[in-house]
């Protein structure tokens, strides 16, 4: 028969922590990390989508001018 795991002592020197309490603390820490990661991803996505929208607007105008210049170059040849 396997022996039951012994509870780990608390970090602050208090009473030993139970497995459920350890799991709750780990889940809370994981949740906080995931929330921060989500916030970081959202902010970088917002920055990238703003930069992409600006690039598309510039490329649209520049692309038309380049195509018109290219057309003129072919007509004069």
PDB file of N, CA and C in Angstrom:
ATOM      1  N   UNK A   1       0.840  -1.161   0.000  1.00  0.00           N
ATOM      2  CA  UNK A   1       0.000   0.000   0.000  1.00  0.00           C
ATOM      3  C   UNK A   1       0.897   1.239   0.000  1.00  0.00           C
ATOM      4  N   UNK A   2       0.605   2.233  -0.833  1.00  0.00           N
ATOM      5  CA  UNK A   2       1.418   3.446  -0.924  1.00  0.00           C
ATOM      6  C   UNK A   2       1.100   4.375   0.238  1.00  0.00           C
ATOM      7  N   UNK A   3       2.141   4.984   0.752  1.00  0.00           N
ATOM      8  CA  UNK A   3       1.958   5.933   1.854  1.00  0.00           C
ATOM      9  C   UNK A   3       1.379   7.237   1.319  1.00  0.00           C
ATOM     10  N   UNK A   4       0.512   7.859   2.105  1.00  0.00           N
ATOM     11  CA  UNK A   4      -0.070   9.141   1.702  1.00  0.00           C
ATOM     12  C   UNK A   4       1.017  10.202   1.723  1.00  0.00           C
ATOM     13  N   UNK A   5       0.996  11.128   0.736  1.00  0.00           N
ATOM     14  CA  UNK A   5       2.023  12.176   0.730  1.00  0.00           C
ATOM     15  C   UNK A   5       1.892  13.078   1.946  1.00  0.00           C
ATOM     16  N   UNK A   6       3.030  13.419   2.494  1.00  0.00           N
ATOM     17  CA  UNK A   6       3.026  14.299   3.660  1.00  0.00           C
ATOM     18  C   UNK A   6       2.845  15.739   3.199  1.00  0.00           C
ATOM     19  N   UNK A   7       2.068  16.532   3.956  1.00  0.00           N
ATOM     20  CA  UNK A   7       1.901  17.936   3.579  1.00  0.00           C
ATOM     21  C   UNK A   7       3.218  18.688   3.705  1.00  0.00           C
ATOM     22  N   UNK A   8       3.453  19.598   2.784  1.00  0.00           N
ATOM     23  CA  UNK A   8       4.664  20.404   2.813  1.00  0.00           C
ATOM     24  C   UNK A   8       4.533  21.501   3.845  1.00  0.00           C
ATOM     25  N   UNK A   9       5.625  21.869   4.479  1.00  0.00           N
ATOM     26  CA  UNK A   9       5.543  22.974   5.440  1.00  0.00           C
ATOM     27  C   UNK A   9       5.288  24.288   4.711  1.00  0.00           C
ATOM     28  N   UNK A  10       4.589  25.184   5.362  1.00  0.00           N
ATOM     29  CA  UNK A  10       4.291  26.491   4.781  1.00  0.00           C
ATOM     30  C   UNK A  10       5.579  27.279   4.635  1.00  0.00           C
ATOM     31  N   UNK A  11       5.644  28.140   3.632  1.00  0.00           N
ATOM     32  CA  UNK A  11       6.836  28.939   3.384  1.00  0.00           C
ATOM     33  C   UNK A  11       7.119  29.913   4.533  1.00  0.00           C
ATOM     34  N   UNK A  12       6.066  30.397   5.172  1.00  0.00           N
ATOM     35  CA  UNK A  12       6.254  31.392   6.232  1.00  0.00           C
ATOM     36  C   UNK A  12       6.482  30.754   7.601  1.00  0.00           C
ATOM     37  N   UNK A  13       6.648  29.448   7.650  1.00  0.00           N
ATOM     38  CA  UNK A  13       6.927  28.783   8.911  1.00  0.00           C
ATOM     39  C   UNK A  13       5.673  28.428   9.694  1.00  0.00           C
ATOM     40  N   UNK A  14       4.489  28.618   9.104  1.00  0.00           N
ATOM     41  CA  UNK A  14       3.235  28.305   9.777  1.00  0.00           C
ATOM     42  C   UNK A  14       2.929  26.825   9.685  1.00  0.00           C
ATOM     43  N   UNK A  15       1.665  26.493   9.801  1.00  0.00           N
ATOM     44  CA  UNK A  15       1.215  25.104   9.738  1.00  0.00           C
ATOM     45  C   UNK A  15       1.441  24.541   8.334  1.00  0.00           C
ATOM     46  N   UNK A  16       1.635  23.219   8.231  1.00  0.00           N
ATOM     47  CA  UNK A  16       1.810  22.611   6.903  1.00  0.00           C
ATOM     48  C   UNK A  16       0.582  22.848   6.022  1.00  0.00           C
ATOM     49  N   UNK A  17       0.843  23.014   4.743  1.00  0.00           N
ATOM     50  CA  UNK A  17      -0.248  23.260   3.798  1.00  0.00           C
ATOM     51  C   UNK A  17      -0.822  21.933   3.316  1.00  0.00           C
ATOM     52  N   UNK A  18      -2.116  21.911   3.139  1.00  0.00           N
ATOM     53  CA  UNK A  18      -2.757  20.746   2.566  1.00  0.00           C
ATOM     54  C   UNK A  18      -2.642  20.792   1.048  1.00  0.00           C
ATOM     55  N   UNK A  19      -2.859  19.666   0.427  1.00  0.00           N
ATOM     56  CA  UNK A  19      -2.761  19.564  -1.026  1.00  0.00           C
ATOM     57  C   UNK A  19      -3.759  20.494  -1.710  1.00  0.00           C
ATOM     58  N   UNK A  20      -4.973  20.574  -1.201  1.00  0.00           N
ATOM     59  CA  UNK A  20      -5.982  21.438  -1.800  1.00  0.00           C
ATOM     60  C   UNK A  20      -5.550  22.906  -1.752  1.00  0.00           C
ATOM     61  N   UNK A  21      -5.011  23.323  -0.625  1.00  0.00           N
ATOM     62  CA  UNK A  21      -4.554  24.711  -0.497  1.00  0.00           C
ATOM     63  C   UNK A  21      -3.397  24.995  -1.461  1.00  0.00           C
ATOM     64  N   UNK A  22      -2.483  24.039  -1.603  1.00  0.00           N
ATOM     65  CA  UNK A  22      -1.371  24.196  -2.543  1.00  0.00           C
ATOM     66  C   UNK A  22      -1.890  24.339  -3.967  1.00  0.00           C
ATOM     67  N   UNK A  23      -2.852  23.487  -4.327  1.00  0.00           N
ATOM     68  CA  UNK A  23      -3.420  23.543  -5.677  1.00  0.00           C
ATOM     69  C   UNK A  23      -4.136  24.866  -5.920  1.00  0.00           C
ATOM     70  N   UNK A  24      -4.872  25.356  -4.914  1.00  0.00           N
ATOM     71  CA  UNK A  24      -5.568  26.637  -5.067  1.00  0.00           C
ATOM     72  C   UNK A  24      -4.576  27.773  -5.276  1.00  0.00           C
ATOM     73  N   UNK A  25      -3.468  27.754  -4.536  1.00  0.00           N
ATOM     74  CA  UNK A  25      -2.449  28.800  -4.685  1.00  0.00           C
ATOM     75  C   UNK A  25      -1.782  28.719  -6.053  1.00  0.00           C
ATOM     76  N   UNK A  26      -1.489  27.505  -6.502  1.00  0.00           N
ATOM     77  CA  UNK A  26      -0.887  27.333  -7.821  1.00  0.00           C
ATOM     78  C   UNK A  26      -1.840  27.788  -8.927  1.00  0.00           C
ATOM     79  N   UNK A  27      -3.118  27.456  -8.792  1.00  0.00           N
ATOM     80  CA  UNK A  27      -4.109  27.872  -9.790  1.00  0.00           C
ATOM     81  C   UNK A  27      -4.266  29.393  -9.805  1.00  0.00           C
ATOM     82  N   UNK A  28      -4.229  30.027  -8.638  1.00  0.00           N
ATOM     83  CA  UNK A  28      -4.329  31.487  -8.574  1.00  0.00           C
ATOM     84  C   UNK A  28      -3.121  32.126  -9.248  1.00  0.00           C
ATOM     85  N   UNK A  29      -1.932  31.585  -9.010  1.00  0.00           N
ATOM     86  CA  UNK A  29      -0.723  32.116  -9.643  1.00  0.00           C
ATOM     87  C   UNK A  29      -0.763  31.905 -11.152  1.00  0.00           C
ATOM     88  N   UNK A  30      -1.209  30.743 -11.584  1.00  0.00           N
ATOM     89  CA  UNK A  30      -1.331  30.458 -13.014  1.00  0.00           C
ATOM     90  C   UNK A  30      -2.339  31.388 -13.669  1.00  0.00           C
ATOM     91  N   UNK A  31      -3.469  31.609 -13.008  1.00  0.00           N
ATOM     92  CA  UNK A  31      -4.492  32.500 -13.532  1.00  0.00           C
ATOM     93  C   UNK A  31      -3.948  33.919 -13.689  1.00  0.00           C
ATOM     94  N   UNK A  32      -3.183  34.386 -12.704  1.00  0.00           N
ATOM     95  CA  UNK A  32      -2.586  35.724 -12.781  1.00  0.00           C
ATOM     96  C   UNK A  32      -1.594  35.804 -13.938  1.00  0.00           C
ATOM     97  N   UNK A  33      -0.781  34.762 -14.109  1.00  0.00           N
ATOM     98  CA  UNK A  33       0.182  34.743 -15.217  1.00  0.00           C
ATOM     99  C   UNK A  33      -0.531  34.748 -16.563  1.00  0.00           C
ATOM    100  N   UNK A  34      -1.587  33.954 -16.692  1.00  0.00           N
ATOM    101  CA  UNK A  34      -2.333  33.900 -17.949  1.00  0.00           C
ATOM    102  C   UNK A  34      -3.046  35.217 -18.241  1.00  0.00           C
ATOM    103  N   UNK A  35      -3.546  35.868 -17.205  1.00  0.00           N
ATOM    104  CA  UNK A  35      -4.186  37.172 -17.395  1.00  0.00           C
ATOM    105  C   UNK A  35      -3.178  38.198 -17.898  1.00  0.00           C
ATOM    106  N   UNK A  36      -1.969  38.186 -17.331  1.00  0.00           N
ATOM    107  CA  UNK A  36      -0.924  39.113 -17.780  1.00  0.00           C
ATOM    108  C   UNK A  36      -0.514  38.801 -19.217  1.00  0.00           C
ATOM    109  N   UNK A  37      -0.376  37.533 -19.549  1.00  0.00           N
ATOM    110  CA  UNK A  37      -0.025  37.128 -20.905  1.00  0.00           C
ATOM    111  C   UNK A  37      -1.092  37.568 -21.890  1.00  0.00           C
ATOM    112  N   UNK A  38      -2.364  37.390 -21.523  1.00  0.00           N
ATOM    113  CA  UNK A  38      -3.466  37.811 -22.381  1.00  0.00           C
ATOM    114  C   UNK A  38      -3.422  39.320 -22.609  1.00  0.00           C
ATOM    115  N   UNK A  39      -3.170  40.084 -21.559  1.00  0.00           N
ATOM    116  CA  UNK A  39      -3.080  41.544 -21.689  1.00  0.00           C
ATOM    117  C   UNK A  39      -1.920  41.927 -22.604  1.00  0.00           C
ATOM    118  N   UNK A  40      -0.786  41.247 -22.466  1.00  0.00           N
ATOM    119  CA  UNK A  40       0.368  41.526 -23.332  1.00  0.00           C
ATOM    120  C   UNK A  40       0.055  41.218 -24.788  1.00  0.00           C
ATOM    121  N   UNK A  41      -0.598  40.100 -25.034  1.00  0.00           N
ATOM    122  CA  UNK A  41      -0.949  39.715 -26.403  1.00  0.00           C
ATOM    123  C   UNK A  41      -1.946  40.698 -26.994  1.00  0.00           C
ATOM    124  N   UNK A  42      -2.944  41.087 -26.207  1.00  0.00           N
ATOM    125  CA  UNK A  42      -3.937  42.042 -26.696  1.00  0.00           C
ATOM    126  C   UNK A  42      -3.284  43.366 -27.068  1.00  0.00           C
ATOM    127  N   UNK A  43      -2.366  43.864 -26.240  1.00  0.00           N
ATOM    128  CA  UNK A  43      -1.741  45.152 -26.532  1.00  0.00           C
ATOM    129  C   UNK A  43      -0.842  45.052 -27.759  1.00  0.00           C
ATOM    130  N   UNK A  44      -0.125  43.941 -27.932  1.00  0.00           N
ATOM    131  CA  UNK A  44       0.723  43.809 -29.118  1.00  0.00           C
ATOM    132  C   UNK A  44      -0.119  43.604 -30.369  1.00  0.00           C
ATOM    133  N   UNK A  45      -1.255  42.925 -30.256  1.00  0.00           N
ATOM    134  CA  UNK A  45      -2.153  42.755 -31.390  1.00  0.00           C
ATOM    135  C   UNK A  45      -2.745  44.099 -31.801  1.00  0.00           C
ATOM    136  N   UNK A  46      -3.119  44.913 -30.810  1.00  0.00           N
ATOM    137  CA  UNK A  46      -3.653  46.243 -31.109  1.00  0.00           C
ATOM    138  C   UNK A  46      -2.611  47.094 -31.814  1.00  0.00           C
ATOM    139  N   UNK A  47      -1.368  47.026 -31.354  1.00  0.00           N
ATOM    140  CA  UNK A  47      -0.298  47.809 -31.994  1.00  0.00           C
ATOM    141  C   UNK A  47      -0.069  47.322 -33.417  1.00  0.00           C
ATOM    142  N   UNK A  48      -0.041  46.005 -33.607  1.00  0.00           N
ATOM    143  CA  UNK A  48       0.203  45.451 -34.942  1.00  0.00           C
ATOM    144  C   UNK A  48      -0.936  45.763 -35.900  1.00  0.00           C
ATOM    145  N   UNK A  49      -2.169  45.675 -35.439  1.00  0.00           N
ATOM    146  CA  UNK A  49      -3.296  45.959 -36.325  1.00  0.00           C
ATOM    147  C   UNK A  49      -3.336  47.437 -36.677  1.00  0.00           C
ATOM    148  N   UNK A  50      -2.941  48.313 -35.761  1.00  0.00           N
ATOM    149  CA  UNK A  50      -2.866  49.740 -36.059  1.00  0.00           C
ATOM    150  C   UNK A  50      -1.772  50.023 -37.070  1.00  0.00           C
ATOM    151  N   UNK A  51      -0.629  49.374 -36.935  1.00  0.00           N
ATOM    152  CA  UNK A  51       0.478  49.558 -37.867  1.00  0.00           C
ATOM    153  C   UNK A  51       0.119  48.988 -39.243  1.00  0.00           C
ATOM    154  N   UNK A  52      -0.569  47.862 -39.263  1.00  0.00           N
ATOM    155  CA  UNK A  52      -0.961  47.249 -40.533  1.00  0.00           C
ATOM    156  C   UNK A  52      -1.978  48.118 -41.264  1.00  0.00           C
ATOM    157  N   UNK A  53      -2.903  48.714 -40.524  1.00  0.00           N
ATOM    158  CA  UNK A  53      -3.898  49.583 -41.148  1.00  0.00           C
ATOM    159  C   UNK A  53      -3.213  50.804 -41.744  1.00  0.00           C
ATOM    160  N   UNK A  54      -2.232  51.358 -41.053  1.00  0.00           N
ATOM    161  CA  UNK A  54      -1.489  52.498 -41.580  1.00  0.00           C
ATOM    162  C   UNK A  54      -0.682  52.113 -42.802  1.00  0.00           C
ATOM    163  N   UNK A  55      -0.093  50.935 -42.794  1.00  0.00           N
ATOM    164  CA  UNK A  55       0.700  50.473 -43.931  1.00  0.00           C
ATOM    165  C   UNK A  55      -0.182  50.212 -45.143  1.00  0.00           C
ATOM    166  N   UNK A  56      -1.378  49.659 -44.911  1.00  0.00           N
ATOM    167  CA  UNK A  56      -2.290  49.410 -46.022  1.00  0.00           C
ATOM    168  C   UNK A  56      -2.746  50.710 -46.652  1.00  0.00           C
ATOM    169  N   UNK A  57      -3.032  51.714 -45.842  1.00  0.00           N
ATOM    170  CA  UNK A  57      -3.469  52.997 -46.372  1.00  0.00           C
ATOM    171  C   UNK A  57      -2.346  53.625 -47.190  1.00  0.00           C
ATOM    172  N   UNK A  58      -1.121  53.553 -46.716  1.00  0.00           N
ATOM    173  CA  UNK A  58       0.016  54.098 -47.447  1.00  0.00           C
ATOM    174  C   UNK A  58       0.309  53.304 -48.704  1.00  0.00           C
ATOM    175  N   UNK A  59       0.185  51.991 -48.638  1.00  0.00           N
ATOM    176  CA  UNK A  59       0.457  51.147 -49.797  1.00  0.00           C
ATOM    177  C   UNK A  59      -0.602  51.337 -50.860  1.00  0.00           C
ATOM    178  N   UNK A  60      -1.828  51.572 -50.452  1.00  0.00           N
ATOM    179  CA  UNK A  60      -2.890  51.792 -51.430  1.00  0.00           C
ATOM    180  C   UNK A  60      -2.633  53.029 -52.255  1.00  0.00           C
ATOM    181  N   UNK A  61      -2.269  54.120 -51.615  1.00  0.00           N
ATOM    182  CA  UNK A  61      -2.004  55.362 -52.336  1.00  0.00           C
ATOM    183  C   UNK A  61      -0.706  55.240 -53.122  1.00  0.00           C
ATOM    184  N   UNK A  62       0.330  54.685 -52.500  1.00  0.00           N
ATOM    185  CA  UNK A  62       1.615  54.543 -53.179  1.00  0.00           C
ATOM    186  C   UNK A  62       1.545  53.554 -54.327  1.00  0.00           C
ATOM    187  N   UNK A  63       0.790  52.500 -54.160  1.00  0.00           N
ATOM    188  CA  UNK A  63       0.663  51.500 -55.209  1.00  0.00           C
ATOM    189  C   UNK A  63       0.005  52.077 -56.445  1.00  0.00           C
ATOM    190  N   UNK A  64      -0.998  52.931 -56.261  1.00  0.00           N
ATOM    191  CA  UNK A  64      -1.682  53.542 -57.392  1.00  0.00           C
ATOM    192  C   UNK A  64      -0.738  54.473 -58.133  1.00  0.00           C
ATOM    193  N   UNK A  65       0.021  55.272 -57.412  1.00  0.00           N
ATOM    194  CA  UNK A  65       0.955  56.198 -58.042  1.00  0.00           C
ATOM    195  C   UNK A  65       2.046  55.433 -58.780  1.00  0.00           C
ATOM    196  N   UNK A  66       2.514  54.353 -58.195  1.00  0.00           N
ATOM    197  CA  UNK A  66       3.558  53.556 -58.847  1.00  0.00           C
ATOM    198  C   UNK A  66       3.014  52.925 -60.124  1.00  0.00           C
ATOM    199  N   UNK A  67       1.791  52.442 -60.073  1.00  0.00           N
ATOM    200  CA  UNK A  67       1.197  51.831 -61.265  1.00  0.00           C
ATOM    201  C   UNK A  67       1.007  52.879 -62.355  1.00  0.00           C
ATOM    202  N   UNK A  68       0.587  54.089 -61.985  1.00  0.00           N
ATOM    203  CA  UNK A  68       0.402  55.155 -62.970  1.00  0.00           C
ATOM    204  C   UNK A  68       1.745  55.543 -63.585  1.00  0.00           C
ATOM    205  N   UNK A  69       2.783  55.630 -62.790  1.00  0.00           N
ATOM    206  CA  UNK A  69       4.114  55.954 -63.307  1.00  0.00           C
ATOM    207  C   UNK A  69       4.621  54.879 -64.225  1.00  0.00           C
ATOM    208  N   UNK A  70       4.344  53.629 -63.871  1.00  0.00           N
ATOM    209  CA  UNK A  70       4.769  52.510 -64.703  1.00  0.00           C
ATOM    210  C   UNK A  70       4.050  52.559 -66.054  1.00  0.00           C
ATOM    211  N   UNK A  71       2.770  52.904 -66.045  1.00  0.00           N
ATOM    212  CA  UNK A  71       1.985  52.995 -67.274  1.00  0.00           C
ATOM    213  C   UNK A  71       2.549  54.087 -68.158  1.00  0.00           C
ATOM    214  N   UNK A  72       2.899  55.245 -67.569  1.00  0.00           N
ATOM    215  CA  UNK A  72       3.471  56.346 -68.339  1.00  0.00           C
ATOM    216  C   UNK A  72       4.799  55.933 -68.945  1.00  0.00           C
ATOM    217  N   UNK A  73       5.588  55.181 -68.223  1.00  0.00           N
ATOM    218  CA  UNK A  73       6.907  54.763 -68.722  1.00  0.00           C
ATOM    219  C   UNK A  73       6.749  53.880 -69.946  1.00  0.00           C
ATOM    220  N   UNK A  74       5.777  53.017 -69.961  1.00  0.00           N
ATOM    221  CA  UNK A  74       5.549  52.139 -71.102  1.00  0.00           C
ATOM    222  C   UNK A  74       5.026  52.905 -72.321  1.00  0.00           C
ATOM    223  N   UNK A  75       4.219  53.943 -72.081  1.00  0.00           N
ATOM    224  CA  UNK A  75       3.664  54.714 -73.196  1.00  0.00           C
ATOM    225  C   UNK A  75       4.741  55.520 -73.912  1.00  0.00           C
ATOM    226  N   UNK A  76       5.750  56.015 -73.191  1.00  0.00           N
ATOM    227  CA  UNK A  76       6.774  56.848 -73.822  1.00  0.00           C
ATOM    228  C   UNK A  76       7.846  56.017 -74.510  1.00  0.00           C
ATOM    229  N   UNK A  77       7.898  54.731 -74.251  1.00  0.00           N
ATOM    230  CA  UNK A  77       8.947  53.888 -74.850  1.00  0.00           C
ATOM    231  C   UNK A  77       8.691  53.594 -76.301  1.00  0.00           C
TER     232      UNK A  77
END
